[in-house]
Amino acid sequence: MKDLVEVIAKALVDNPSEVVVTEKKEGRNIVIELHVAPSDMGKVIGRQGRIAKAIRAVVKAASTRENVKVDVEIV
């Protein structure tokens, strides 16, 4: 899941070298934190959060195969 979020985020931003993705496991729940440069924050969130919702939807769909719950937080 971490790699999926990283690939998507790096494709969206102007500074892909500043994309940092961390993964925390809490039982069957996984929290993925996405850190980007402040100038790229708007590109990752999108208008009214549309891109952020799309990233979360893709990760949720991929996580159902592994039978875990994944939350994506943009920090």
N, C-alpha and C. Protein backbone atom coordinates (compact mmCIF):
# COMPACT_ATOMS: atom_id res chain seq x y z
N MET A 1 0.82 -1.20 0.00
CA MET A 1 0.00 0.00 0.00
C MET A 1 0.86 1.26 0.00
N LYS A 2 1.95 1.19 0.75
CA LYS A 2 2.85 2.35 0.83
C LYS A 2 3.39 2.71 -0.54
N ASP A 3 3.79 1.70 -1.30
CA ASP A 3 4.35 1.95 -2.63
C ASP A 3 3.32 2.55 -3.58
N LEU A 4 2.09 2.09 -3.47
CA LEU A 4 1.01 2.61 -4.31
C LEU A 4 0.79 4.09 -4.07
N VAL A 5 0.71 4.49 -2.81
CA VAL A 5 0.51 5.91 -2.47
C VAL A 5 1.71 6.74 -2.94
N GLU A 6 2.90 6.19 -2.79
CA GLU A 6 4.10 6.92 -3.20
C GLU A 6 4.13 7.16 -4.71
N VAL A 7 3.79 6.16 -5.48
CA VAL A 7 3.78 6.30 -6.95
C VAL A 7 2.75 7.34 -7.39
N ILE A 8 1.57 7.29 -6.80
CA ILE A 8 0.52 8.24 -7.16
C ILE A 8 0.94 9.66 -6.80
N ALA A 9 1.46 9.84 -5.58
CA ALA A 9 1.85 11.17 -5.12
C ALA A 9 2.98 11.75 -5.96
N LYS A 10 3.97 10.94 -6.29
CA LYS A 10 5.11 11.45 -7.07
C LYS A 10 4.68 11.85 -8.48
N ALA A 11 3.64 11.23 -8.99
CA ALA A 11 3.15 11.59 -10.32
C ALA A 11 2.41 12.93 -10.29
N LEU A 12 1.89 13.32 -9.14
CA LEU A 12 1.09 14.54 -9.04
C LEU A 12 1.90 15.80 -8.74
N VAL A 13 2.99 15.68 -8.00
CA VAL A 13 3.69 16.85 -7.47
C VAL A 13 4.80 17.35 -8.39
N ASP A 14 5.25 18.58 -8.12
CA ASP A 14 6.38 19.16 -8.86
C ASP A 14 7.72 18.74 -8.27
N ASN A 15 7.74 18.43 -6.97
CA ASN A 15 8.96 18.04 -6.28
C ASN A 15 8.85 16.59 -5.79
N PRO A 16 9.01 15.62 -6.67
CA PRO A 16 8.83 14.22 -6.24
C PRO A 16 9.88 13.76 -5.23
N SER A 17 11.01 14.44 -5.16
CA SER A 17 12.04 14.03 -4.19
C SER A 17 11.63 14.34 -2.75
N GLU A 18 10.66 15.22 -2.57
CA GLU A 18 10.22 15.60 -1.23
C GLU A 18 9.01 14.79 -0.75
N VAL A 19 8.59 13.81 -1.52
CA VAL A 19 7.46 12.96 -1.12
C VAL A 19 7.98 11.90 -0.16
N VAL A 20 7.36 11.86 1.03
CA VAL A 20 7.73 10.86 2.04
C VAL A 20 6.46 10.16 2.48
N VAL A 21 6.47 8.82 2.41
CA VAL A 21 5.31 8.03 2.80
C VAL A 21 5.73 7.11 3.93
N THR A 22 5.00 7.18 5.05
CA THR A 22 5.27 6.30 6.18
C THR A 22 4.06 5.43 6.43
N GLU A 23 4.31 4.24 6.97
CA GLU A 23 3.24 3.28 7.20
C GLU A 23 3.31 2.82 8.65
N LYS A 24 2.16 2.89 9.34
CA LYS A 24 2.07 2.44 10.73
C LYS A 24 1.03 1.35 10.80
N LYS A 25 1.40 0.20 11.36
CA LYS A 25 0.47 -0.91 11.48
C LYS A 25 -0.08 -0.95 12.90
N GLU A 26 -1.39 -1.04 12.98
CA GLU A 26 -2.08 -1.14 14.28
C GLU A 26 -3.05 -2.30 14.20
N GLY A 27 -2.55 -3.51 14.40
CA GLY A 27 -3.40 -4.69 14.26
C GLY A 27 -3.74 -4.93 12.80
N ARG A 28 -5.05 -4.97 12.49
CA ARG A 28 -5.47 -5.14 11.09
C ARG A 28 -5.66 -3.80 10.39
N ASN A 29 -5.39 -2.71 11.10
CA ASN A 29 -5.50 -1.37 10.52
C ASN A 29 -4.11 -0.86 10.15
N ILE A 30 -4.04 -0.19 9.03
CA ILE A 30 -2.79 0.42 8.57
C ILE A 30 -3.06 1.90 8.32
N VAL A 31 -2.19 2.74 8.87
CA VAL A 31 -2.29 4.19 8.66
C VAL A 31 -1.11 4.60 7.78
N ILE A 32 -1.41 5.17 6.64
CA ILE A 32 -0.38 5.65 5.72
C ILE A 32 -0.37 7.17 5.77
N GLU A 33 0.79 7.72 6.13
CA GLU A 33 0.94 9.18 6.19
C GLU A 33 1.72 9.64 4.97
N LEU A 34 1.16 10.62 4.28
CA LEU A 34 1.79 11.18 3.08
C LEU A 34 2.27 12.59 3.39
N HIS A 35 3.57 12.80 3.27
CA HIS A 35 4.18 14.12 3.49
C HIS A 35 4.67 14.64 2.14
N VAL A 36 4.26 15.86 1.78
CA VAL A 36 4.72 16.50 0.55
C VAL A 36 5.19 17.90 0.88
N ALA A 37 5.85 18.53 -0.07
CA ALA A 37 6.30 19.91 0.10
C ALA A 37 5.08 20.82 0.25
N PRO A 38 5.19 21.87 1.04
CA PRO A 38 4.04 22.78 1.23
C PRO A 38 3.51 23.36 -0.08
N SER A 39 4.38 23.57 -1.05
CA SER A 39 3.93 24.11 -2.33
C SER A 39 3.12 23.09 -3.14
N ASP A 40 3.29 21.81 -2.84
CA ASP A 40 2.58 20.76 -3.57
C ASP A 40 1.33 20.27 -2.85
N MET A 41 1.04 20.81 -1.69
CA MET A 41 -0.09 20.33 -0.89
C MET A 41 -1.41 20.46 -1.66
N GLY A 42 -1.60 21.57 -2.35
CA GLY A 42 -2.83 21.78 -3.10
C GLY A 42 -3.00 20.80 -4.25
N LYS A 43 -1.90 20.38 -4.84
CA LYS A 43 -1.98 19.43 -5.95
C LYS A 43 -2.38 18.04 -5.46
N VAL A 44 -1.98 17.69 -4.25
CA VAL A 44 -2.32 16.37 -3.71
C VAL A 44 -3.75 16.35 -3.17
N ILE A 45 -4.20 17.47 -2.62
CA ILE A 45 -5.55 17.53 -2.07
C ILE A 45 -6.57 17.78 -3.18
N GLY A 46 -6.29 18.70 -4.07
CA GLY A 46 -7.22 18.99 -5.17
C GLY A 46 -8.36 19.90 -4.74
N ARG A 47 -9.15 20.29 -5.71
CA ARG A 47 -10.29 21.15 -5.41
C ARG A 47 -11.33 20.38 -4.63
N GLN A 48 -11.70 20.93 -3.49
CA GLN A 48 -12.68 20.33 -2.58
C GLN A 48 -12.30 18.91 -2.19
N GLY A 49 -10.99 18.61 -2.22
CA GLY A 49 -10.50 17.32 -1.78
C GLY A 49 -10.74 16.17 -2.73
N ARG A 50 -10.99 16.48 -3.98
CA ARG A 50 -11.31 15.42 -4.95
C ARG A 50 -10.16 14.45 -5.18
N ILE A 51 -8.95 14.97 -5.32
CA ILE A 51 -7.81 14.09 -5.58
C ILE A 51 -7.50 13.26 -4.34
N ALA A 52 -7.59 13.87 -3.16
CA ALA A 52 -7.36 13.12 -1.92
C ALA A 52 -8.38 11.99 -1.78
N LYS A 53 -9.63 12.27 -2.12
CA LYS A 53 -10.67 11.23 -2.05
C LYS A 53 -10.39 10.12 -3.05
N ALA A 54 -9.89 10.49 -4.22
CA ALA A 54 -9.57 9.49 -5.25
C ALA A 54 -8.41 8.61 -4.81
N ILE A 55 -7.39 9.20 -4.19
CA ILE A 55 -6.26 8.41 -3.68
C ILE A 55 -6.76 7.43 -2.62
N ARG A 56 -7.59 7.92 -1.72
CA ARG A 56 -8.13 7.05 -0.67
C ARG A 56 -8.98 5.93 -1.25
N ALA A 57 -9.75 6.22 -2.30
CA ALA A 57 -10.60 5.20 -2.93
C ALA A 57 -9.75 4.11 -3.59
N VAL A 58 -8.68 4.50 -4.26
CA VAL A 58 -7.81 3.52 -4.91
C VAL A 58 -7.13 2.64 -3.87
N VAL A 59 -6.66 3.24 -2.79
CA VAL A 59 -5.99 2.48 -1.74
C VAL A 59 -6.99 1.56 -1.04
N LYS A 60 -8.19 2.04 -0.83
CA LYS A 60 -9.22 1.20 -0.20
C LYS A 60 -9.55 -0.01 -1.07
N ALA A 61 -9.65 0.20 -2.36
CA ALA A 61 -9.93 -0.90 -3.28
C ALA A 61 -8.79 -1.91 -3.27
N ALA A 62 -7.56 -1.44 -3.23
CA ALA A 62 -6.41 -2.35 -3.20
C ALA A 62 -6.31 -3.08 -1.86
N SER A 63 -6.75 -2.43 -0.79
CA SER A 63 -6.62 -3.05 0.53
C SER A 63 -7.65 -4.15 0.77
N THR A 64 -8.75 -4.14 0.03
CA THR A 64 -9.74 -5.19 0.22
C THR A 64 -9.19 -6.55 -0.20
N ARG A 65 -8.25 -6.58 -1.12
CA ARG A 65 -7.62 -7.84 -1.52
C ARG A 65 -6.80 -8.43 -0.38
N GLU A 66 -6.22 -7.57 0.45
CA GLU A 66 -5.38 -8.04 1.55
C GLU A 66 -6.15 -8.17 2.86
N ASN A 67 -7.43 -7.85 2.83
CA ASN A 67 -8.32 -7.98 3.99
C ASN A 67 -7.83 -7.15 5.18
N VAL A 68 -7.42 -5.91 4.90
CA VAL A 68 -7.02 -4.97 5.95
C VAL A 68 -7.73 -3.64 5.70
N LYS A 69 -7.77 -2.81 6.74
CA LYS A 69 -8.35 -1.47 6.62
C LYS A 69 -7.20 -0.46 6.56
N VAL A 70 -7.21 0.36 5.53
CA VAL A 70 -6.13 1.32 5.33
C VAL A 70 -6.69 2.73 5.36
N ASP A 71 -6.06 3.60 6.16
CA ASP A 71 -6.40 5.01 6.20
C ASP A 71 -5.23 5.80 5.64
N VAL A 72 -5.52 6.76 4.76
CA VAL A 72 -4.48 7.61 4.19
C VAL A 72 -4.65 9.00 4.77
N GLU A 73 -3.59 9.49 5.42
CA GLU A 73 -3.59 10.82 6.00
C GLU A 73 -2.57 11.68 5.27
N ILE A 74 -3.00 12.85 4.82
CA ILE A 74 -2.10 13.78 4.15
C ILE A 74 -1.65 14.80 5.19
N VAL A 75 -0.36 14.79 5.47
CA VAL A 75 0.17 15.62 6.55
C VAL A 75 0.93 16.79 5.97
